Amino acid sequence: MGLNTNGIYKFSRNPMYVAYFICFIGMALLTQSLILLCIVVIFQISAHWIILSEEKWCMEKFGESYKQYMKRVRRYI
């Protein structure tokens, strides 16, 4: 399987993490839960570190094509 840069990946390199964040922040706001908001912040910090690790792996696997993709498409939105 190659590098997918089509569809939603034209707008975000990590659309799944963006969707999770939007859903979780929405739940925290709807429930007005400070605890849930704290969990969302912790999740986002953790997700960011995971994303950095995944990007390193992608650079090793896909090389220059991934570096060019990184220049064209933002990490989040």
PDB file of N, CA and C in Angstrom:
ATOM      1  N   MET A   1       0.848  -1.173   0.000  1.00  0.00           N
ATOM      2  CA  MET A   1       0.000   0.000   0.000  1.00  0.00           C
ATOM      3  C   MET A   1       0.895   1.238   0.000  1.00  0.00           C
ATOM      4  N   GLY A   2       0.530   2.220  -0.807  1.00  0.00           N
ATOM      5  CA  GLY A   2       1.314   3.435  -0.916  1.00  0.00           C
ATOM      6  C   GLY A   2       0.773   4.562  -0.055  1.00  0.00           C
ATOM      7  N   LEU A   3       1.328   5.707  -0.249  1.00  0.00           N
ATOM      8  CA  LEU A   3       0.944   6.910   0.484  1.00  0.00           C
ATOM      9  C   LEU A   3      -0.371   7.450  -0.070  1.00  0.00           C
ATOM     10  N   ASN A   4      -1.378   7.583   0.786  1.00  0.00           N
ATOM     11  CA  ASN A   4      -2.685   8.097   0.370  1.00  0.00           C
ATOM     12  C   ASN A   4      -2.722   9.605   0.596  1.00  0.00           C
ATOM     13  N   THR A   5      -2.837  10.356  -0.492  1.00  0.00           N
ATOM     14  CA  THR A   5      -2.917  11.816  -0.400  1.00  0.00           C
ATOM     15  C   THR A   5      -4.205  12.331  -1.032  1.00  0.00           C
ATOM     16  N   ASN A   6      -5.155  11.442  -1.246  1.00  0.00           N
ATOM     17  CA  ASN A   6      -6.422  11.812  -1.885  1.00  0.00           C
ATOM     18  C   ASN A   6      -7.526  11.974  -0.852  1.00  0.00           C
ATOM     19  N   GLY A   7      -8.676  12.465  -1.321  1.00  0.00           N
ATOM     20  CA  GLY A   7      -9.835  12.609  -0.444  1.00  0.00           C
ATOM     21  C   GLY A   7      -9.563  13.575   0.695  1.00  0.00           C
ATOM     22  N   ILE A   8      -9.949  13.171   1.878  1.00  0.00           N
ATOM     23  CA  ILE A   8      -9.799  14.036   3.051  1.00  0.00           C
ATOM     24  C   ILE A   8      -8.329  14.303   3.387  1.00  0.00           C
ATOM     25  N   TYR A   9      -7.440  13.417   2.922  1.00  0.00           N
ATOM     26  CA  TYR A   9      -6.014  13.592   3.176  1.00  0.00           C
ATOM     27  C   TYR A   9      -5.411  14.747   2.377  1.00  0.00           C
ATOM     28  N   LYS A  10      -6.192  15.369   1.498  1.00  0.00           N
ATOM     29  CA  LYS A  10      -5.746  16.587   0.818  1.00  0.00           C
ATOM     30  C   LYS A  10      -5.794  17.784   1.758  1.00  0.00           C
ATOM     31  N   PHE A  11      -6.581  17.671   2.838  1.00  0.00           N
ATOM     32  CA  PHE A  11      -6.808  18.793   3.751  1.00  0.00           C
ATOM     33  C   PHE A  11      -6.141  18.614   5.109  1.00  0.00           C
ATOM     34  N   SER A  12      -5.910  17.382   5.506  1.00  0.00           N
ATOM     35  CA  SER A  12      -5.312  17.098   6.812  1.00  0.00           C
ATOM     36  C   SER A  12      -4.516  15.804   6.723  1.00  0.00           C
ATOM     37  N   ARG A  13      -3.326  15.804   7.321  1.00  0.00           N
ATOM     38  CA  ARG A  13      -2.546  14.572   7.352  1.00  0.00           C
ATOM     39  C   ARG A  13      -3.077  13.610   8.408  1.00  0.00           C
ATOM     40  N   ASN A  14      -3.903  14.104   9.328  1.00  0.00           N
ATOM     41  CA  ASN A  14      -4.411  13.283  10.430  1.00  0.00           C
ATOM     42  C   ASN A  14      -5.904  13.511  10.659  1.00  0.00           C
ATOM     43  N   PRO A  15      -6.730  13.214   9.668  1.00  0.00           N
ATOM     44  CA  PRO A  15      -8.158  13.517   9.815  1.00  0.00           C
ATOM     45  C   PRO A  15      -8.844  12.742  10.938  1.00  0.00           C
ATOM     46  N   MET A  16      -8.382  11.536  11.233  1.00  0.00           N
ATOM     47  CA  MET A  16      -8.998  10.757  12.302  1.00  0.00           C
ATOM     48  C   MET A  16      -8.808  11.442  13.655  1.00  0.00           C
ATOM     49  N   TYR A  17      -7.609  11.920  13.922  1.00  0.00           N
ATOM     50  CA  TYR A  17      -7.349  12.604  15.189  1.00  0.00           C
ATOM     51  C   TYR A  17      -8.128  13.915  15.272  1.00  0.00           C
ATOM     52  N   VAL A  18      -8.258  14.610  14.161  1.00  0.00           N
ATOM     53  CA  VAL A  18      -9.049  15.845  14.132  1.00  0.00           C
ATOM     54  C   VAL A  18     -10.508  15.535  14.455  1.00  0.00           C
ATOM     55  N   ALA A  19     -11.050  14.481  13.856  1.00  0.00           N
ATOM     56  CA  ALA A  19     -12.446  14.099  14.104  1.00  0.00           C
ATOM     57  C   ALA A  19     -12.656  13.708  15.562  1.00  0.00           C
ATOM     58  N   TYR A  20     -11.734  12.933  16.124  1.00  0.00           N
ATOM     59  CA  TYR A  20     -11.834  12.566  17.542  1.00  0.00           C
ATOM     60  C   TYR A  20     -11.847  13.807  18.415  1.00  0.00           C
ATOM     61  N   PHE A  21     -10.938  14.731  18.136  1.00  0.00           N
ATOM     62  CA  PHE A  21     -10.848  15.940  18.949  1.00  0.00           C
ATOM     63  C   PHE A  21     -12.147  16.740  18.879  1.00  0.00           C
ATOM     64  N   ILE A  22     -12.687  16.908  17.688  1.00  0.00           N
ATOM     65  CA  ILE A  22     -13.936  17.667  17.534  1.00  0.00           C
ATOM     66  C   ILE A  22     -15.075  16.990  18.294  1.00  0.00           C
ATOM     67  N   CYS A  23     -15.183  15.676  18.173  1.00  0.00           N
ATOM     68  CA  CYS A  23     -16.243  14.947  18.895  1.00  0.00           C
ATOM     69  C   CYS A  23     -16.069  15.067  20.401  1.00  0.00           C
ATOM     70  N   PHE A  24     -14.853  14.865  20.883  1.00  0.00           N
ATOM     71  CA  PHE A  24     -14.614  14.901  22.328  1.00  0.00           C
ATOM     72  C   PHE A  24     -14.808  16.296  22.902  1.00  0.00           C
ATOM     73  N   ILE A  25     -14.353  17.315  22.190  1.00  0.00           N
ATOM     74  CA  ILE A  25     -14.529  18.682  22.693  1.00  0.00           C
ATOM     75  C   ILE A  25     -16.015  19.039  22.679  1.00  0.00           C
ATOM     76  N   GLY A  26     -16.741  18.552  21.675  1.00  0.00           N
ATOM     77  CA  GLY A  26     -18.186  18.767  21.631  1.00  0.00           C
ATOM     78  C   GLY A  26     -18.887  18.118  22.808  1.00  0.00           C
ATOM     79  N   MET A  27     -18.492  16.893  23.136  1.00  0.00           N
ATOM     80  CA  MET A  27     -19.088  16.212  24.291  1.00  0.00           C
ATOM     81  C   MET A  27     -18.782  16.950  25.588  1.00  0.00           C
ATOM     82  N   ALA A  28     -17.547  17.431  25.713  1.00  0.00           N
ATOM     83  CA  ALA A  28     -17.169  18.163  26.925  1.00  0.00           C
ATOM     84  C   ALA A  28     -17.982  19.446  27.058  1.00  0.00           C
ATOM     85  N   LEU A  29     -18.197  20.132  25.949  1.00  0.00           N
ATOM     86  CA  LEU A  29     -18.975  21.369  25.994  1.00  0.00           C
ATOM     87  C   LEU A  29     -20.454  21.098  26.258  1.00  0.00           C
ATOM     88  N   LEU A  30     -20.996  20.067  25.624  1.00  0.00           N
ATOM     89  CA  LEU A  30     -22.413  19.742  25.821  1.00  0.00           C
ATOM     90  C   LEU A  30     -22.712  19.304  27.253  1.00  0.00           C
ATOM     91  N   THR A  31     -21.807  18.549  27.833  1.00  0.00           N
ATOM     92  CA  THR A  31     -22.025  18.067  29.201  1.00  0.00           C
ATOM     93  C   THR A  31     -21.528  19.056  30.244  1.00  0.00           C
ATOM     94  N   GLN A  32     -20.806  20.075  29.789  1.00  0.00           N
ATOM     95  CA  GLN A  32     -20.207  21.071  30.682  1.00  0.00           C
ATOM     96  C   GLN A  32     -19.386  20.398  31.785  1.00  0.00           C
ATOM     97  N   SER A  33     -18.636  19.381  31.373  1.00  0.00           N
ATOM     98  CA  SER A  33     -17.845  18.589  32.303  1.00  0.00           C
ATOM     99  C   SER A  33     -16.384  19.026  32.267  1.00  0.00           C
ATOM    100  N   LEU A  34     -15.916  19.539  33.382  1.00  0.00           N
ATOM    101  CA  LEU A  34     -14.516  19.937  33.492  1.00  0.00           C
ATOM    102  C   LEU A  34     -13.605  18.711  33.433  1.00  0.00           C
ATOM    103  N   ILE A  35     -14.056  17.619  34.020  1.00  0.00           N
ATOM    104  CA  ILE A  35     -13.257  16.386  33.989  1.00  0.00           C
ATOM    105  C   ILE A  35     -13.089  15.905  32.554  1.00  0.00           C
ATOM    106  N   LEU A  36     -14.176  15.892  31.799  1.00  0.00           N
ATOM    107  CA  LEU A  36     -14.098  15.466  30.401  1.00  0.00           C
ATOM    108  C   LEU A  36     -13.224  16.417  29.593  1.00  0.00           C
ATOM    109  N   LEU A  37     -13.294  17.691  29.867  1.00  0.00           N
ATOM    110  CA  LEU A  37     -12.440  18.659  29.179  1.00  0.00           C
ATOM    111  C   LEU A  37     -10.967  18.372  29.468  1.00  0.00           C
ATOM    112  N   CYS A  38     -10.652  18.044  30.708  1.00  0.00           N
ATOM    113  CA  CYS A  38      -9.270  17.685  31.066  1.00  0.00           C
ATOM    114  C   CYS A  38      -8.827  16.426  30.326  1.00  0.00           C
ATOM    115  N   ILE A  39      -9.735  15.465  30.216  1.00  0.00           N
ATOM    116  CA  ILE A  39      -9.420  14.237  29.482  1.00  0.00           C
ATOM    117  C   ILE A  39      -9.154  14.550  28.012  1.00  0.00           C
ATOM    118  N   VAL A  40      -9.929  15.465  27.437  1.00  0.00           N
ATOM    119  CA  VAL A  40      -9.732  15.867  26.040  1.00  0.00           C
ATOM    120  C   VAL A  40      -8.343  16.478  25.860  1.00  0.00           C
ATOM    121  N   VAL A  41      -7.939  17.322  26.784  1.00  0.00           N
ATOM    122  CA  VAL A  41      -6.615  17.952  26.699  1.00  0.00           C
ATOM    123  C   VAL A  41      -5.521  16.889  26.782  1.00  0.00           C
ATOM    124  N   ILE A  42      -5.659  15.962  27.721  1.00  0.00           N
ATOM    125  CA  ILE A  42      -4.672  14.883  27.857  1.00  0.00           C
ATOM    126  C   ILE A  42      -4.643  14.028  26.593  1.00  0.00           C
ATOM    127  N   PHE A  43      -5.827  13.724  26.054  1.00  0.00           N
ATOM    128  CA  PHE A  43      -5.894  12.951  24.813  1.00  0.00           C
ATOM    129  C   PHE A  43      -5.166  13.670  23.685  1.00  0.00           C
ATOM    130  N   GLN A  44      -5.388  14.970  23.559  1.00  0.00           N
ATOM    131  CA  GLN A  44      -4.781  15.710  22.456  1.00  0.00           C
ATOM    132  C   GLN A  44      -3.262  15.767  22.594  1.00  0.00           C
ATOM    133  N   ILE A  45      -2.782  15.936  23.805  1.00  0.00           N
ATOM    134  CA  ILE A  45      -1.328  15.930  24.023  1.00  0.00           C
ATOM    135  C   ILE A  45      -0.758  14.568  23.647  1.00  0.00           C
ATOM    136  N   SER A  46      -1.415  13.503  24.095  1.00  0.00           N
ATOM    137  CA  SER A  46      -0.966  12.143  23.769  1.00  0.00           C
ATOM    138  C   SER A  46      -1.019  11.897  22.267  1.00  0.00           C
ATOM    139  N   ALA A  47      -2.111  12.309  21.645  1.00  0.00           N
ATOM    140  CA  ALA A  47      -2.265  12.112  20.205  1.00  0.00           C
ATOM    141  C   ALA A  47      -1.174  12.847  19.432  1.00  0.00           C
ATOM    142  N   HIS A  48      -0.812  14.032  19.889  1.00  0.00           N
ATOM    143  CA  HIS A  48       0.237  14.793  19.207  1.00  0.00           C
ATOM    144  C   HIS A  48       1.558  14.017  19.217  1.00  0.00           C
ATOM    145  N   TRP A  49       1.904  13.418  20.356  1.00  0.00           N
ATOM    146  CA  TRP A  49       3.149  12.639  20.437  1.00  0.00           C
ATOM    147  C   TRP A  49       3.081  11.407  19.543  1.00  0.00           C
ATOM    148  N   ILE A  50       1.914  10.781  19.481  1.00  0.00           N
ATOM    149  CA  ILE A  50       1.736   9.628  18.590  1.00  0.00           C
ATOM    150  C   ILE A  50       1.899  10.061  17.134  1.00  0.00           C
ATOM    151  N   ILE A  51       1.311  11.193  16.782  1.00  0.00           N
ATOM    152  CA  ILE A  51       1.404  11.713  15.414  1.00  0.00           C
ATOM    153  C   ILE A  51       2.854  11.994  15.037  1.00  0.00           C
ATOM    154  N   LEU A  52       3.615  12.585  15.944  1.00  0.00           N
ATOM    155  CA  LEU A  52       5.030  12.849  15.652  1.00  0.00           C
ATOM    156  C   LEU A  52       5.778  11.549  15.372  1.00  0.00           C
ATOM    157  N   SER A  53       5.468  10.513  16.138  1.00  0.00           N
ATOM    158  CA  SER A  53       6.087   9.205  15.924  1.00  0.00           C
ATOM    159  C   SER A  53       5.673   8.619  14.577  1.00  0.00           C
ATOM    160  N   GLU A  54       4.393   8.745  14.243  1.00  0.00           N
ATOM    161  CA  GLU A  54       3.902   8.242  12.956  1.00  0.00           C
ATOM    162  C   GLU A  54       4.530   8.990  11.790  1.00  0.00           C
ATOM    163  N   GLU A  55       4.727  10.292  11.948  1.00  0.00           N
ATOM    164  CA  GLU A  55       5.349  11.075  10.877  1.00  0.00           C
ATOM    165  C   GLU A  55       6.786  10.633  10.644  1.00  0.00           C
ATOM    166  N   LYS A  56       7.492  10.339  11.725  1.00  0.00           N
ATOM    167  CA  LYS A  56       8.871   9.857  11.585  1.00  0.00           C
ATOM    168  C   LYS A  56       8.882   8.543  10.801  1.00  0.00           C
ATOM    169  N   TRP A  57       7.959   7.644  11.146  1.00  0.00           N
ATOM    170  CA  TRP A  57       7.863   6.361  10.452  1.00  0.00           C
ATOM    171  C   TRP A  57       7.536   6.580   8.972  1.00  0.00           C
ATOM    172  N   CYS A  58       6.601   7.484   8.679  1.00  0.00           N
ATOM    173  CA  CYS A  58       6.213   7.765   7.291  1.00  0.00           C
ATOM    174  C   CYS A  58       7.371   8.352   6.492  1.00  0.00           C
ATOM    175  N   MET A  59       8.172   9.209   7.129  1.00  0.00           N
ATOM    176  CA  MET A  59       9.331   9.777   6.423  1.00  0.00           C
ATOM    177  C   MET A  59      10.327   8.679   6.066  1.00  0.00           C
ATOM    178  N   GLU A  60      10.503   7.717   6.976  1.00  0.00           N
ATOM    179  CA  GLU A  60      11.416   6.608   6.687  1.00  0.00           C
ATOM    180  C   GLU A  60      10.863   5.710   5.585  1.00  0.00           C
ATOM    181  N   LYS A  61       9.570   5.458   5.607  1.00  0.00           N
ATOM    182  CA  LYS A  61       8.958   4.537   4.647  1.00  0.00           C
ATOM    183  C   LYS A  61       8.759   5.170   3.271  1.00  0.00           C
ATOM    184  N   PHE A  62       8.276   6.415   3.228  1.00  0.00           N
ATOM    185  CA  PHE A  62       7.899   7.039   1.960  1.00  0.00           C
ATOM    186  C   PHE A  62       8.902   8.081   1.465  1.00  0.00           C
ATOM    187  N   GLY A  63       9.843   8.467   2.311  1.00  0.00           N
ATOM    188  CA  GLY A  63      10.923   9.352   1.899  1.00  0.00           C
ATOM    189  C   GLY A  63      10.484  10.719   1.408  1.00  0.00           C
ATOM    190  N   GLU A  64      11.030  11.105   0.263  1.00  0.00           N
ATOM    191  CA  GLU A  64      10.817  12.445  -0.283  1.00  0.00           C
ATOM    192  C   GLU A  64       9.349  12.728  -0.598  1.00  0.00           C
ATOM    193  N   SER A  65       8.603  11.721  -1.027  1.00  0.00           N
ATOM    194  CA  SER A  65       7.189  11.959  -1.342  1.00  0.00           C
ATOM    195  C   SER A  65       6.415  12.371  -0.089  1.00  0.00           C
ATOM    196  N   TYR A  66       6.756  11.804   1.066  1.00  0.00           N
ATOM    197  CA  TYR A  66       6.077  12.204   2.300  1.00  0.00           C
ATOM    198  C   TYR A  66       6.519  13.606   2.724  1.00  0.00           C
ATOM    199  N   LYS A  67       7.782  13.933   2.538  1.00  0.00           N
ATOM    200  CA  LYS A  67       8.265  15.281   2.878  1.00  0.00           C
ATOM    201  C   LYS A  67       7.557  16.338   2.031  1.00  0.00           C
ATOM    202  N   GLN A  68       7.343  16.050   0.755  1.00  0.00           N
ATOM    203  CA  GLN A  68       6.606  16.974  -0.110  1.00  0.00           C
ATOM    204  C   GLN A  68       5.148  17.089   0.337  1.00  0.00           C
ATOM    205  N   TYR A  69       4.570  15.960   0.718  1.00  0.00           N
ATOM    206  CA  TYR A  69       3.194  15.943   1.231  1.00  0.00           C
ATOM    207  C   TYR A  69       3.091  16.795   2.496  1.00  0.00           C
ATOM    208  N   MET A  70       4.089  16.708   3.363  1.00  0.00           N
ATOM    209  CA  MET A  70       4.102  17.510   4.591  1.00  0.00           C
ATOM    210  C   MET A  70       4.143  19.006   4.278  1.00  0.00           C
ATOM    211  N   LYS A  71       4.808  19.377   3.205  1.00  0.00           N
ATOM    212  CA  LYS A  71       4.882  20.787   2.821  1.00  0.00           C
ATOM    213  C   LYS A  71       3.545  21.294   2.279  1.00  0.00           C
ATOM    214  N   ARG A  72       2.781  20.406   1.629  1.00  0.00           N
ATOM    215  CA  ARG A  72       1.506  20.793   1.011  1.00  0.00           C
ATOM    216  C   ARG A  72       0.323  20.755   1.976  1.00  0.00           C
ATOM    217  N   VAL A  73       0.348  19.827   2.917  1.00  0.00           N
ATOM    218  CA  VAL A  73      -0.829  19.572   3.755  1.00  0.00           C
ATOM    219  C   VAL A  73      -0.461  19.744   5.228  1.00  0.00           C
ATOM    220  N   ARG A  74      -1.320  20.458   5.945  1.00  0.00           N
ATOM    221  CA  ARG A  74      -1.067  20.715   7.366  1.00  0.00           C
ATOM    222  C   ARG A  74      -1.270  19.457   8.206  1.00  0.00           C
ATOM    223  N   ARG A  75      -0.653  19.451   9.367  1.00  0.00           N
ATOM    224  CA  ARG A  75      -0.747  18.302  10.268  1.00  0.00           C
ATOM    225  C   ARG A  75      -2.183  18.086  10.740  1.00  0.00           C
ATOM    226  N   TYR A  76      -2.858  19.151  11.084  1.00  0.00           N
ATOM    227  CA  TYR A  76      -4.236  19.035  11.577  1.00  0.00           C
ATOM    228  C   TYR A  76      -5.186  19.641  10.543  1.00  0.00           C
ATOM    229  N   ILE A  77      -5.526  20.908  10.674  1.00  0.00           N
ATOM    230  CA  ILE A  77      -6.374  21.566   9.672  1.00  0.00           C
ATOM    231  C   ILE A  77      -5.897  22.975   9.423  1.00  0.00           C
TER     232      ILE A  77
END
